[in-house]
């Protein structure tokens, strides 16, 4: 049995050198989003999406400088 395909929107607002990024992952199906502040947090958000992506009304990040 294969797992269903999940769709996400990943918005990257800011980069900080090689490993630092800020953004939001949104689950297309549920509309829930989760902010991230590093590549590791982005990966955790995508891997953990099966459990829960967090609040639907995640705060937006300020525009990049």
N, C-alpha and C. Protein backbone atom coordinates (compact mmCIF):
# COMPACT_ATOMS: atom_id res chain seq x y z
N UNK A 1 0.84 -1.17 0.00
CA UNK A 1 0.00 0.00 0.00
C UNK A 1 0.90 1.24 0.00
N UNK A 2 0.61 2.18 -0.88
CA UNK A 2 1.42 3.39 -0.95
C UNK A 2 0.78 4.51 -0.14
N UNK A 3 1.62 5.36 0.39
CA UNK A 3 1.14 6.51 1.16
C UNK A 3 0.62 7.58 0.20
N UNK A 4 -0.40 8.32 0.60
CA UNK A 4 -0.90 9.38 -0.27
C UNK A 4 0.14 10.48 -0.44
N UNK A 5 0.11 11.12 -1.57
CA UNK A 5 1.03 12.23 -1.84
C UNK A 5 0.50 13.48 -1.14
N UNK A 6 1.38 14.18 -0.45
CA UNK A 6 1.02 15.42 0.24
C UNK A 6 1.63 16.59 -0.52
N UNK A 7 0.94 17.71 -0.53
CA UNK A 7 1.42 18.91 -1.21
C UNK A 7 1.64 20.02 -0.20
N UNK A 8 2.74 20.75 -0.37
CA UNK A 8 3.09 21.84 0.52
C UNK A 8 3.53 23.05 -0.29
N UNK A 9 3.30 24.22 0.27
CA UNK A 9 3.85 25.46 -0.27
C UNK A 9 4.94 25.88 0.71
N UNK A 10 6.14 26.10 0.20
CA UNK A 10 7.26 26.54 1.03
C UNK A 10 7.62 27.95 0.61
N UNK A 11 7.50 28.88 1.53
CA UNK A 11 7.85 30.28 1.27
C UNK A 11 9.11 30.61 2.05
N UNK A 12 10.15 31.02 1.34
CA UNK A 12 11.40 31.42 1.98
C UNK A 12 11.50 32.93 1.88
N UNK A 13 11.56 33.57 3.04
CA UNK A 13 11.57 35.02 3.11
C UNK A 13 12.97 35.62 3.21
N UNK A 14 13.89 34.90 3.82
CA UNK A 14 15.20 35.48 4.08
C UNK A 14 16.24 34.38 4.16
N UNK A 15 17.42 34.65 3.65
CA UNK A 15 18.55 33.72 3.78
C UNK A 15 19.62 34.35 4.64
N UNK A 16 20.25 33.53 5.49
CA UNK A 16 21.32 33.97 6.37
C UNK A 16 22.53 33.07 6.14
N UNK A 17 23.30 33.34 5.15
CA UNK A 17 24.48 32.52 4.89
C UNK A 17 24.11 31.15 4.37
N UNK A 18 24.94 30.18 4.67
CA UNK A 18 24.79 28.84 4.10
C UNK A 18 23.63 28.03 4.69
N UNK A 19 23.41 28.10 6.00
CA UNK A 19 22.42 27.23 6.62
C UNK A 19 21.20 27.96 7.17
N UNK A 20 21.22 29.27 7.17
CA UNK A 20 20.12 30.00 7.80
C UNK A 20 19.10 30.52 6.80
N UNK A 21 17.85 30.17 7.03
CA UNK A 21 16.74 30.68 6.22
C UNK A 21 15.54 30.87 7.12
N UNK A 22 14.67 31.80 6.74
CA UNK A 22 13.41 32.00 7.44
C UNK A 22 12.28 31.83 6.44
N UNK A 23 11.21 31.20 6.87
CA UNK A 23 10.07 31.03 5.99
C UNK A 23 8.92 30.31 6.66
N UNK A 24 7.99 29.85 5.83
CA UNK A 24 6.78 29.17 6.31
C UNK A 24 6.50 27.99 5.40
N UNK A 25 6.10 26.87 5.99
CA UNK A 25 5.62 25.70 5.24
C UNK A 25 4.12 25.63 5.43
N UNK A 26 3.37 25.54 4.33
CA UNK A 26 1.91 25.45 4.40
C UNK A 26 1.44 24.14 3.79
N UNK A 27 0.60 23.42 4.53
CA UNK A 27 -0.03 22.20 4.03
C UNK A 27 -1.20 22.62 3.15
N UNK A 28 -1.14 22.26 1.87
CA UNK A 28 -2.16 22.69 0.91
C UNK A 28 -3.54 22.14 1.29
N UNK A 29 -3.59 20.92 1.75
CA UNK A 29 -4.87 20.28 2.06
C UNK A 29 -5.57 20.93 3.25
N UNK A 30 -4.82 21.20 4.32
CA UNK A 30 -5.44 21.72 5.54
C UNK A 30 -5.35 23.24 5.68
N UNK A 31 -4.42 23.85 4.95
CA UNK A 31 -4.22 25.28 5.08
C UNK A 31 -3.40 25.66 6.29
N UNK A 32 -2.97 24.69 7.06
CA UNK A 32 -2.17 24.98 8.27
C UNK A 32 -0.74 25.29 7.86
N UNK A 33 -0.11 26.18 8.62
CA UNK A 33 1.26 26.56 8.30
C UNK A 33 2.14 26.53 9.54
N UNK A 34 3.44 26.45 9.28
CA UNK A 34 4.41 26.37 10.37
C UNK A 34 5.65 27.17 9.96
N UNK A 35 6.06 28.13 10.77
CA UNK A 35 7.27 28.88 10.44
C UNK A 35 8.52 28.03 10.68
N UNK A 36 9.60 28.36 9.99
CA UNK A 36 10.89 27.72 10.22
C UNK A 36 11.98 28.78 10.15
N UNK A 37 13.11 28.51 10.82
CA UNK A 37 14.19 29.48 10.90
C UNK A 37 15.55 28.85 10.59
N UNK A 38 15.54 27.66 10.02
CA UNK A 38 16.77 26.99 9.59
C UNK A 38 16.38 25.86 8.64
N UNK A 39 17.38 25.33 7.96
CA UNK A 39 17.12 24.21 7.06
C UNK A 39 16.65 23.00 7.87
N UNK A 40 17.21 22.81 9.06
CA UNK A 40 16.80 21.68 9.91
C UNK A 40 15.34 21.82 10.31
N UNK A 41 14.90 23.03 10.67
CA UNK A 41 13.49 23.23 11.02
C UNK A 41 12.58 23.05 9.81
N UNK A 42 13.04 23.45 8.63
CA UNK A 42 12.26 23.22 7.40
C UNK A 42 12.06 21.73 7.18
N UNK A 43 13.15 20.97 7.29
CA UNK A 43 13.06 19.53 7.11
C UNK A 43 12.15 18.89 8.17
N UNK A 44 12.25 19.33 9.42
CA UNK A 44 11.39 18.82 10.48
C UNK A 44 9.92 19.13 10.18
N UNK A 45 9.65 20.33 9.67
CA UNK A 45 8.28 20.71 9.34
C UNK A 45 7.72 19.81 8.25
N UNK A 46 8.53 19.48 7.26
CA UNK A 46 8.06 18.62 6.17
C UNK A 46 7.93 17.17 6.63
N UNK A 47 8.87 16.68 7.42
CA UNK A 47 8.78 15.30 7.91
C UNK A 47 7.66 15.13 8.90
N UNK A 48 7.46 16.13 9.77
CA UNK A 48 6.46 16.05 10.81
C UNK A 48 5.08 16.45 10.36
N UNK A 49 4.92 16.77 9.09
CA UNK A 49 3.65 17.26 8.59
C UNK A 49 2.54 16.23 8.76
N UNK A 50 2.89 14.96 8.77
CA UNK A 50 1.90 13.91 8.95
C UNK A 50 1.20 14.05 10.29
N UNK A 51 1.98 14.48 11.30
CA UNK A 51 1.42 14.63 12.64
C UNK A 51 0.60 15.91 12.73
N UNK A 52 1.22 17.05 12.45
CA UNK A 52 0.51 18.32 12.51
C UNK A 52 1.46 19.42 12.09
N UNK A 53 0.97 20.36 11.31
CA UNK A 53 1.81 21.46 10.87
C UNK A 53 1.70 22.67 11.78
N UNK A 54 0.89 22.65 12.77
CA UNK A 54 0.80 23.77 13.67
C UNK A 54 -0.42 24.62 13.43
N UNK A 55 -0.34 25.87 13.87
CA UNK A 55 -1.48 26.76 13.79
C UNK A 55 -1.81 27.15 12.35
N UNK A 56 -3.09 27.34 12.09
CA UNK A 56 -3.49 27.80 10.77
C UNK A 56 -3.11 29.25 10.57
N UNK A 57 -3.08 30.02 11.64
CA UNK A 57 -2.80 31.45 11.55
C UNK A 57 -1.38 31.77 12.01
N UNK A 58 -0.40 31.06 11.48
CA UNK A 58 0.98 31.32 11.86
C UNK A 58 1.34 32.76 11.52
N UNK A 59 2.11 33.40 12.37
CA UNK A 59 2.44 34.80 12.12
C UNK A 59 3.28 34.94 10.86
N UNK A 60 3.04 36.03 10.13
CA UNK A 60 3.83 36.27 8.94
C UNK A 60 5.15 36.90 9.35
N UNK A 61 6.15 36.68 8.55
CA UNK A 61 7.47 37.22 8.82
C UNK A 61 7.60 38.57 8.13
N UNK A 62 8.42 39.47 8.69
CA UNK A 62 8.61 40.77 8.06
C UNK A 62 9.33 40.61 6.74
N UNK A 63 9.17 41.56 5.81
CA UNK A 63 9.86 41.45 4.52
C UNK A 63 11.38 41.48 4.68
N UNK A 64 12.07 40.83 3.75
CA UNK A 64 13.54 40.78 3.79
C UNK A 64 14.12 42.16 3.55
N UNK A 65 15.28 42.40 4.14
CA UNK A 65 15.95 43.70 3.96
C UNK A 65 16.61 43.80 2.61
